[in-house]
Amino acid sequence: MEFLSDLQAQLSTAYELLAAGWGVQLLWGIAWTLAVTMVSMLIGAALGSLVAAAKLSHRGGLRFIGESYTTVFRGEPELLIIYLFYYGGTQVLTGVARSTGSIGSTDILNMPSFLGGVLAVGIISGAYQAEVFRGSFLAIHRGELEAARAYGMSAWLRFRLVIMPQVLRLAVPGLGNVWQLTIKDSALISVTGVAELMLTANKAARSTHHSLLFYTLAGILYLVMTSVSTPIFEKAERYTSRSFLRPK
């Protein structure tokens, strides 16, 4: 009975705190987390495509650049990369602005929090997406590409009708994994001041002194986001595979 009384008291406290405004703040935190994740994935997709093409190139210089990119940004701690982009970007912007006379010698031009965060997370995501795209391309049966050449398809037509649909179909499961990683990496940009879910939960915990409650809620909400995204990527995988024959 004492346990039930304590549980009821905890639930009552949680309801009061969420109703007092922290519930809305957590919802905004989820919105910012999803915004950071989606923009970072788009940046990563653009960079990953270019890096994958470089790694598949016959030119040694391009392969070296592609290998260096994935090695560096998959090997370094994500938080370090975020620090470099945010605080390093602030230093670079300040130096450029001072050299052009846009600001005074004692002023500082800060890197925008959201921009610095999504660039850092996007570049990290791009390193992983590059490997997904590269592996998907290598999984395409060589006979299909040879048949496309035999039909006289141009390089652009082969890319649009043969390579791109196959790469997308094969890459979707891997991109689902990268999405999950990017959601988790988005929590790290709380150090830049973006009011995503982790920063909001941290503020709530410090303000109310109910750390266990708000960090537990944050964990549950992250789990909900990653769990909901799983069937979405499964549906996308079925959609991209709809035109390909499957063995019975």
C-alpha atoms as a PDB file:
ATOM      1  CA  MET A   1       0.000   0.000   0.000  1.00  0.00           C
ATOM      2  CA  GLU A   2       2.841   2.357   0.782  1.00  0.00           C
ATOM      3  CA  PHE A   3       4.333   1.664  -2.637  1.00  0.00           C
ATOM      4  CA  LEU A   4       1.031   2.473  -4.330  1.00  0.00           C
ATOM      5  CA  SER A   5       0.734   5.684  -2.316  1.00  0.00           C
ATOM      6  CA  ASP A   6       4.238   6.749  -3.358  1.00  0.00           C
ATOM      7  CA  LEU A   7       3.511   5.893  -6.978  1.00  0.00           C
ATOM      8  CA  GLN A   8       0.292   7.893  -6.902  1.00  0.00           C
ATOM      9  CA  ALA A   9       2.130  10.847  -5.401  1.00  0.00           C
ATOM     10  CA  GLN A  10       4.824  10.650  -8.102  1.00  0.00           C
ATOM     11  CA  LEU A  11       2.232  10.492 -10.867  1.00  0.00           C
ATOM     12  CA  SER A  12       0.378  13.425  -9.376  1.00  0.00           C
ATOM     13  CA  THR A  13       3.599  15.447  -9.227  1.00  0.00           C
ATOM     14  CA  ALA A  14       4.426  14.534 -12.820  1.00  0.00           C
ATOM     15  CA  TYR A  15       0.975  15.602 -13.998  1.00  0.00           C
ATOM     16  CA  GLU A  16       1.228  18.933 -12.166  1.00  0.00           C
ATOM     17  CA  LEU A  17       4.654  19.690 -13.632  1.00  0.00           C
ATOM     18  CA  LEU A  18       3.624  18.770 -17.164  1.00  0.00           C
ATOM     19  CA  ALA A  19       0.394  20.744 -16.876  1.00  0.00           C
ATOM     20  CA  ALA A  20       2.339  23.739 -15.584  1.00  0.00           C
ATOM     21  CA  GLY A  21       4.011  24.121 -18.979  1.00  0.00           C
ATOM     22  CA  TRP A  22       6.808  21.571 -19.113  1.00  0.00           C
ATOM     23  CA  GLY A  23       4.655  19.208 -21.166  1.00  0.00           C
ATOM     24  CA  VAL A  24       4.365  21.798 -23.935  1.00  0.00           C
ATOM     25  CA  GLN A  25       8.097  22.486 -23.691  1.00  0.00           C
ATOM     26  CA  LEU A  26       8.848  18.785 -24.136  1.00  0.00           C
ATOM     27  CA  LEU A  27       6.597  18.683 -27.210  1.00  0.00           C
ATOM     28  CA  TRP A  28       8.523  21.610 -28.674  1.00  0.00           C
ATOM     29  CA  GLY A  29      11.698  19.718 -27.834  1.00  0.00           C
ATOM     30  CA  ILE A  30      10.448  16.761 -29.869  1.00  0.00           C
ATOM     31  CA  ALA A  31       9.657  19.087 -32.790  1.00  0.00           C
ATOM     32  CA  TRP A  32      13.158  20.568 -32.710  1.00  0.00           C
ATOM     33  CA  THR A  33      14.704  17.102 -32.427  1.00  0.00           C
ATOM     34  CA  LEU A  34      12.833  15.920 -35.518  1.00  0.00           C
ATOM     35  CA  ALA A  35      13.721  19.124 -37.394  1.00  0.00           C
ATOM     36  CA  VAL A  36      17.416  18.680 -36.586  1.00  0.00           C
ATOM     37  CA  THR A  37      17.278  15.015 -37.586  1.00  0.00           C
ATOM     38  CA  MET A  38      15.511  15.599 -40.902  1.00  0.00           C
ATOM     39  CA  VAL A  39      17.714  18.512 -41.984  1.00  0.00           C
ATOM     40  CA  SER A  40      20.833  16.607 -40.933  1.00  0.00           C
ATOM     41  CA  MET A  41      19.700  13.562 -42.917  1.00  0.00           C
ATOM     42  CA  LEU A  42      19.173  15.720 -46.020  1.00  0.00           C
ATOM     43  CA  ILE A  43      22.623  17.272 -45.661  1.00  0.00           C
ATOM     44  CA  GLY A  44      24.047  13.808 -45.054  1.00  0.00           C
ATOM     45  CA  ALA A  45      22.287  12.394 -48.122  1.00  0.00           C
ATOM     46  CA  ALA A  46      23.791  15.068 -50.377  1.00  0.00           C
ATOM     47  CA  LEU A  47      27.274  14.656 -48.930  1.00  0.00           C
ATOM     48  CA  GLY A  48      26.985  10.877 -48.712  1.00  0.00           C
ATOM     49  CA  SER A  49      26.064  10.606 -52.396  1.00  0.00           C
ATOM     50  CA  LEU A  50      29.106  12.641 -53.424  1.00  0.00           C
ATOM     51  CA  VAL A  51      31.436  10.759 -51.091  1.00  0.00           C
ATOM     52  CA  ALA A  52      30.103   7.387 -52.257  1.00  0.00           C
ATOM     53  CA  ALA A  53      30.702   8.432 -55.869  1.00  0.00           C
ATOM     54  CA  ALA A  54      34.227   9.507 -54.935  1.00  0.00           C
ATOM     55  CA  LYS A  55      34.943   6.175 -53.226  1.00  0.00           C
ATOM     56  CA  LEU A  56      33.669   4.302 -56.295  1.00  0.00           C
ATOM     57  CA  SER A  57      35.670   6.473 -58.701  1.00  0.00           C
ATOM     58  CA  HIS A  58      38.527   5.076 -60.777  1.00  0.00           C
ATOM     59  CA  ARG A  59      40.573   8.142 -59.867  1.00  0.00           C
ATOM     60  CA  GLY A  60      42.893   7.577 -56.955  1.00  0.00           C
ATOM     61  CA  GLY A  61      42.667  11.166 -55.737  1.00  0.00           C
ATOM     62  CA  LEU A  62      38.888  11.057 -55.445  1.00  0.00           C
ATOM     63  CA  ARG A  63      39.007   7.682 -53.705  1.00  0.00           C
ATOM     64  CA  PHE A  64      41.522   9.081 -51.215  1.00  0.00           C
ATOM     65  CA  ILE A  65      39.238  12.057 -50.464  1.00  0.00           C
ATOM     66  CA  GLY A  66      36.228   9.784 -50.000  1.00  0.00           C
ATOM     67  CA  GLU A  67      38.106   7.343 -47.768  1.00  0.00           C
ATOM     68  CA  SER A  68      39.529  10.208 -45.707  1.00  0.00           C
ATOM     69  CA  TYR A  69      36.071  11.706 -45.183  1.00  0.00           C
ATOM     70  CA  THR A  70      34.483   8.512 -43.913  1.00  0.00           C
ATOM     71  CA  THR A  71      37.509   7.592 -41.807  1.00  0.00           C
ATOM     72  CA  VAL A  72      37.681  10.975 -40.067  1.00  0.00           C
ATOM     73  CA  PHE A  73      33.994  11.599 -39.452  1.00  0.00           C
ATOM     74  CA  ARG A  74      33.203   8.041 -38.399  1.00  0.00           C
ATOM     75  CA  GLY A  75      36.303   7.783 -36.242  1.00  0.00           C
ATOM     76  CA  GLU A  76      36.109  11.020 -34.275  1.00  0.00           C
ATOM     77  CA  PRO A  77      33.700  11.496 -31.336  1.00  0.00           C
ATOM     78  CA  GLU A  78      30.495  13.180 -32.465  1.00  0.00           C
ATOM     79  CA  LEU A  79      30.611  15.695 -29.627  1.00  0.00           C
ATOM     80  CA  LEU A  80      34.102  16.804 -30.677  1.00  0.00           C
ATOM     81  CA  ILE A  81      32.897  17.436 -34.230  1.00  0.00           C
ATOM     82  CA  ILE A  82      29.973  19.496 -32.919  1.00  0.00           C
ATOM     83  CA  TYR A  83      32.340  21.553 -30.766  1.00  0.00           C
ATOM     84  CA  LEU A  84      34.620  22.142 -33.753  1.00  0.00           C
ATOM     85  CA  PHE A  85      31.787  23.317 -35.985  1.00  0.00           C
ATOM     86  CA  TYR A  86      30.012  25.457 -33.412  1.00  0.00           C
ATOM     87  CA  TYR A  87      32.852  27.039 -31.450  1.00  0.00           C
ATOM     88  CA  GLY A  88      35.350  26.832 -34.310  1.00  0.00           C
ATOM     89  CA  GLY A  89      32.743  28.283 -36.652  1.00  0.00           C
ATOM     90  CA  THR A  90      32.184  31.136 -34.217  1.00  0.00           C
ATOM     91  CA  GLN A  91      35.907  31.877 -34.223  1.00  0.00           C
ATOM     92  CA  VAL A  92      36.095  31.791 -38.027  1.00  0.00           C
ATOM     93  CA  LEU A  93      33.017  33.996 -38.485  1.00  0.00           C
ATOM     94  CA  THR A  94      34.326  36.464 -35.922  1.00  0.00           C
ATOM     95  CA  GLY A  95      37.716  36.622 -37.624  1.00  0.00           C
ATOM     96  CA  VAL A  96      36.190  37.218 -41.052  1.00  0.00           C
ATOM     97  CA  ALA A  97      33.775  39.858 -39.720  1.00  0.00           C
ATOM     98  CA  ARG A  98      36.580  41.704 -37.931  1.00  0.00           C
ATOM     99  CA  SER A  99      38.815  41.623 -40.999  1.00  0.00           C
ATOM    100  CA  THR A 100      36.051  43.193 -43.094  1.00  0.00           C
ATOM    101  CA  GLY A 101      35.204  45.763 -40.442  1.00  0.00           C
ATOM    102  CA  SER A 102      31.685  44.426 -39.959  1.00  0.00           C
ATOM    103  CA  ILE A 103      32.149  44.226 -36.172  1.00  0.00           C
ATOM    104  CA  GLY A 104      34.460  45.799 -33.649  1.00  0.00           C
ATOM    105  CA  SER A 105      37.688  44.266 -32.398  1.00  0.00           C
ATOM    106  CA  THR A 106      36.046  43.181 -29.136  1.00  0.00           C
ATOM    107  CA  ASP A 107      32.769  41.922 -30.621  1.00  0.00           C
ATOM    108  CA  ILE A 108      32.007  38.270 -31.313  1.00  0.00           C
ATOM    109  CA  LEU A 109      29.879  36.900 -34.147  1.00  0.00           C
ATOM    110  CA  ASN A 110      28.403  33.611 -32.957  1.00  0.00           C
ATOM    111  CA  MET A 111      27.684  30.694 -35.235  1.00  0.00           C
ATOM    112  CA  PRO A 112      23.883  30.203 -35.342  1.00  0.00           C
ATOM    113  CA  SER A 113      23.074  27.336 -32.981  1.00  0.00           C
ATOM    114  CA  PHE A 114      20.779  25.446 -35.347  1.00  0.00           C
ATOM    115  CA  LEU A 115      23.051  25.899 -38.353  1.00  0.00           C
ATOM    116  CA  GLY A 116      26.166  24.797 -36.512  1.00  0.00           C
ATOM    117  CA  GLY A 117      24.357  21.805 -35.049  1.00  0.00           C
ATOM    118  CA  VAL A 118      22.795  20.480 -38.247  1.00  0.00           C
ATOM    119  CA  LEU A 119      26.001  20.979 -40.238  1.00  0.00           C
ATOM    120  CA  ALA A 120      27.971  18.942 -37.716  1.00  0.00           C
ATOM    121  CA  VAL A 121      25.377  16.179 -37.384  1.00  0.00           C
ATOM    122  CA  GLY A 122      24.745  16.239 -41.147  1.00  0.00           C
ATOM    123  CA  ILE A 123      28.434  15.721 -41.910  1.00  0.00           C
ATOM    124  CA  ILE A 124      28.565  12.828 -39.441  1.00  0.00           C
ATOM    125  CA  SER A 125      25.422  11.349 -40.991  1.00  0.00           C
ATOM    126  CA  GLY A 126      26.940  11.795 -44.448  1.00  0.00           C
ATOM    127  CA  ALA A 127      29.898   9.591 -43.526  1.00  0.00           C
ATOM    128  CA  TYR A 128      27.546   6.732 -42.656  1.00  0.00           C
ATOM    129  CA  GLN A 129      25.203   7.328 -45.576  1.00  0.00           C
ATOM    130  CA  ALA A 130      28.171   7.232 -47.947  1.00  0.00           C
ATOM    131  CA  GLU A 131      28.903   3.666 -46.869  1.00  0.00           C
ATOM    132  CA  VAL A 132      25.234   2.733 -47.274  1.00  0.00           C
ATOM    133  CA  PHE A 133      25.100   4.151 -50.820  1.00  0.00           C
ATOM    134  CA  ARG A 134      28.432   2.604 -51.774  1.00  0.00           C
ATOM    135  CA  GLY A 135      27.391  -0.825 -50.511  1.00  0.00           C
ATOM    136  CA  SER A 136      24.043  -0.545 -52.306  1.00  0.00           C
ATOM    137  CA  PHE A 137      25.736   0.273 -55.603  1.00  0.00           C
ATOM    138  CA  LEU A 138      28.150  -2.633 -55.266  1.00  0.00           C
ATOM    139  CA  ALA A 139      25.189  -4.952 -54.600  1.00  0.00           C
ATOM    140  CA  ILE A 140      23.672  -4.196 -58.019  1.00  0.00           C
ATOM    141  CA  HIS A 141      24.135  -7.148 -60.346  1.00  0.00           C
ATOM    142  CA  ARG A 142      26.781  -6.275 -62.917  1.00  0.00           C
ATOM    143  CA  GLY A 143      24.731  -7.950 -65.623  1.00  0.00           C
ATOM    144  CA  GLU A 144      22.042  -5.287 -65.316  1.00  0.00           C
ATOM    145  CA  LEU A 145      24.545  -2.516 -65.996  1.00  0.00           C
ATOM    146  CA  GLU A 146      26.039  -4.433 -68.916  1.00  0.00           C
ATOM    147  CA  ALA A 147      22.560  -4.994 -70.362  1.00  0.00           C
ATOM    148  CA  ALA A 148      21.813  -1.267 -70.069  1.00  0.00           C
ATOM    149  CA  ARG A 149      25.010  -0.457 -71.962  1.00  0.00           C
ATOM    150  CA  ALA A 150      24.165  -3.069 -74.591  1.00  0.00           C
ATOM    151  CA  TYR A 151      20.800  -1.351 -75.160  1.00  0.00           C
ATOM    152  CA  GLY A 152      22.685   1.872 -75.852  1.00  0.00           C
ATOM    153  CA  MET A 153      21.588   3.752 -72.746  1.00  0.00           C
ATOM    154  CA  SER A 154      23.549   6.889 -71.964  1.00  0.00           C
ATOM    155  CA  ALA A 155      25.279   7.259 -68.605  1.00  0.00           C
ATOM    156  CA  TRP A 156      22.494   9.547 -67.351  1.00  0.00           C
ATOM    157  CA  LEU A 157      19.764   7.170 -68.520  1.00  0.00           C
ATOM    158  CA  ARG A 158      21.498   4.204 -66.851  1.00  0.00           C
ATOM    159  CA  PHE A 159      21.751   6.206 -63.641  1.00  0.00           C
ATOM    160  CA  ARG A 160      18.096   7.280 -63.707  1.00  0.00           C
ATOM    161  CA  LEU A 161      16.474   4.020 -64.797  1.00  0.00           C
ATOM    162  CA  VAL A 162      18.805   1.326 -63.480  1.00  0.00           C
ATOM    163  CA  ILE A 163      21.212   2.542 -60.831  1.00  0.00           C
ATOM    164  CA  MET A 164      19.105   4.991 -58.808  1.00  0.00           C
ATOM    165  CA  PRO A 165      16.040   2.722 -58.306  1.00  0.00           C
ATOM    166  CA  GLN A 166      18.286  -0.176 -57.296  1.00  0.00           C
ATOM    167  CA  VAL A 167      20.398   1.907 -54.934  1.00  0.00           C
ATOM    168  CA  LEU A 168      17.324   3.373 -53.248  1.00  0.00           C
ATOM    169  CA  ARG A 169      15.758  -0.063 -52.821  1.00  0.00           C
ATOM    170  CA  LEU A 170      18.900  -1.545 -51.316  1.00  0.00           C
ATOM    171  CA  ALA A 171      19.781   1.529 -49.229  1.00  0.00           C
ATOM    172  CA  VAL A 172      16.492   1.980 -47.361  1.00  0.00           C
ATOM    173  CA  PRO A 173      17.248  -0.505 -44.538  1.00  0.00           C
ATOM    174  CA  GLY A 174      20.680   1.034 -43.982  1.00  0.00           C
ATOM    175  CA  LEU A 175      19.255   4.544 -44.080  1.00  0.00           C
ATOM    176  CA  GLY A 176      16.782   3.492 -41.394  1.00  0.00           C
ATOM    177  CA  ASN A 177      19.728   2.633 -39.157  1.00  0.00           C
ATOM    178  CA  VAL A 178      21.400   5.962 -39.949  1.00  0.00           C
ATOM    179  CA  TRP A 179      18.138   7.764 -39.075  1.00  0.00           C
ATOM    180  CA  GLN A 180      18.164   6.093 -35.656  1.00  0.00           C
ATOM    181  CA  LEU A 181      21.774   7.145 -35.095  1.00  0.00           C
ATOM    182  CA  THR A 182      21.021  10.698 -36.207  1.00  0.00           C
ATOM    183  CA  ILE A 183      18.119  11.007 -33.770  1.00  0.00           C
ATOM    184  CA  LYS A 184      20.481  10.032 -30.962  1.00  0.00           C
ATOM    185  CA  ASP A 185      23.241  12.339 -32.224  1.00  0.00           C
ATOM    186  CA  SER A 186      20.759  15.231 -32.252  1.00  0.00           C
ATOM    187  CA  ALA A 187      20.813  15.140 -28.439  1.00  0.00           C
ATOM    188  CA  LEU A 188      24.459  16.227 -28.545  1.00  0.00           C
ATOM    189  CA  ILE A 189      23.686  19.590 -30.136  1.00  0.00           C
ATOM    190  CA  SER A 190      22.106  20.656 -26.859  1.00  0.00           C
ATOM    191  CA  VAL A 191      25.591  22.065 -26.170  1.00  0.00           C
ATOM    192  CA  THR A 192      24.982  24.671 -28.888  1.00  0.00           C
ATOM    193  CA  GLY A 193      21.783  25.920 -27.227  1.00  0.00           C
ATOM    194  CA  VAL A 194      19.196  24.449 -29.607  1.00  0.00           C
ATOM    195  CA  ALA A 195      16.108  23.707 -27.500  1.00  0.00           C
ATOM    196  CA  GLU A 196      15.746  20.097 -28.641  1.00  0.00           C
ATOM    197  CA  LEU A 197      14.437  17.352 -26.381  1.00  0.00           C
ATOM    198  CA  MET A 198      17.632  16.724 -24.398  1.00  0.00           C
ATOM    199  CA  LEU A 199      18.217  20.386 -23.580  1.00  0.00           C
ATOM    200  CA  THR A 200      14.551  20.860 -22.645  1.00  0.00           C
ATOM    201  CA  ALA A 201      14.626  17.833 -20.334  1.00  0.00           C
ATOM    202  CA  ASN A 202      17.847  19.123 -18.777  1.00  0.00           C
ATOM    203  CA  LYS A 203      16.314  22.555 -18.138  1.00  0.00           C
ATOM    204  CA  ALA A 204      13.208  20.987 -16.639  1.00  0.00           C
ATOM    205  CA  ALA A 205      15.268  18.740 -14.373  1.00  0.00           C
ATOM    206  CA  ARG A 206      17.368  21.647 -13.096  1.00  0.00           C
ATOM    207  CA  SER A 207      14.426  23.985 -12.620  1.00  0.00           C
ATOM    208  CA  THR A 208      12.144  21.540 -10.819  1.00  0.00           C
ATOM    209  CA  HIS A 209      14.762  19.309  -9.153  1.00  0.00           C
ATOM    210  CA  HIS A 210      12.907  16.271 -10.537  1.00  0.00           C
ATOM    211  CA  SER A 211      15.795  14.852 -12.544  1.00  0.00           C
ATOM    212  CA  LEU A 212      14.617  11.238 -12.521  1.00  0.00           C
ATOM    213  CA  LEU A 213      11.192  12.210 -13.835  1.00  0.00           C
ATOM    214  CA  PHE A 214      12.296  14.367 -16.763  1.00  0.00           C
ATOM    215  CA  TYR A 215      15.256  12.249 -17.851  1.00  0.00           C
ATOM    216  CA  THR A 216      13.013   9.188 -17.770  1.00  0.00           C
ATOM    217  CA  LEU A 217      10.406  11.031 -19.849  1.00  0.00           C
ATOM    218  CA  ALA A 218      13.118  12.070 -22.309  1.00  0.00           C
ATOM    219  CA  GLY A 219      14.251   8.471 -22.624  1.00  0.00           C
ATOM    220  CA  ILE A 220      10.707   7.301 -23.260  1.00  0.00           C
ATOM    221  CA  LEU A 221      10.130   9.995 -25.884  1.00  0.00           C
ATOM    222  CA  TYR A 222      13.359   9.121 -27.722  1.00  0.00           C
ATOM    223  CA  LEU A 223      12.297   5.480 -27.681  1.00  0.00           C
ATOM    224  CA  VAL A 224       8.879   6.431 -29.073  1.00  0.00           C
ATOM    225  CA  MET A 225      10.474   8.399 -31.927  1.00  0.00           C
ATOM    226  CA  THR A 226      12.818   5.584 -32.897  1.00  0.00           C
ATOM    227  CA  SER A 227      10.080   2.953 -32.557  1.00  0.00           C
ATOM    228  CA  VAL A 228       7.620   4.885 -34.727  1.00  0.00           C
ATOM    229  CA  SER A 229      10.253   5.396 -37.421  1.00  0.00           C
ATOM    230  CA  THR A 230      10.884   1.640 -37.785  1.00  0.00           C
ATOM    231  CA  PRO A 231       7.553   0.768 -39.497  1.00  0.00           C
ATOM    232  CA  ILE A 232       7.865   3.910 -41.632  1.00  0.00           C
ATOM    233  CA  PHE A 233      11.166   2.692 -43.089  1.00  0.00           C
ATOM    234  CA  GLU A 234       9.741  -0.814 -43.463  1.00  0.00           C
ATOM    235  CA  LYS A 235       6.890   0.653 -45.514  1.00  0.00           C
ATOM    236  CA  ALA A 236       9.396   2.677 -47.565  1.00  0.00           C
ATOM    237  CA  GLU A 237      11.374  -0.514 -48.205  1.00  0.00           C
ATOM    238  CA  ARG A 238       8.251  -2.288 -49.484  1.00  0.00           C
ATOM    239  CA  TYR A 239       7.374   0.728 -51.646  1.00  0.00           C
ATOM    240  CA  THR A 240      10.801   0.933 -53.301  1.00  0.00           C
ATOM    241  CA  SER A 241      10.748  -2.833 -53.916  1.00  0.00           C
ATOM    242  CA  ARG A 242       7.259  -2.923 -55.427  1.00  0.00           C
ATOM    243  CA  SER A 243       8.465  -3.141 -59.043  1.00  0.00           C
ATOM    244  CA  PHE A 244      11.080  -5.815 -58.470  1.00  0.00           C
ATOM    245  CA  LEU A 245      10.211  -9.472 -58.864  1.00  0.00           C
ATOM    246  CA  ARG A 246      10.628 -11.636 -55.802  1.00  0.00           C
ATOM    247  CA  PRO A 247      11.174 -15.400 -55.853  1.00  0.00           C
ATOM    248  CA  LYS A 248       8.140 -17.425 -54.761  1.00  0.00           C
END
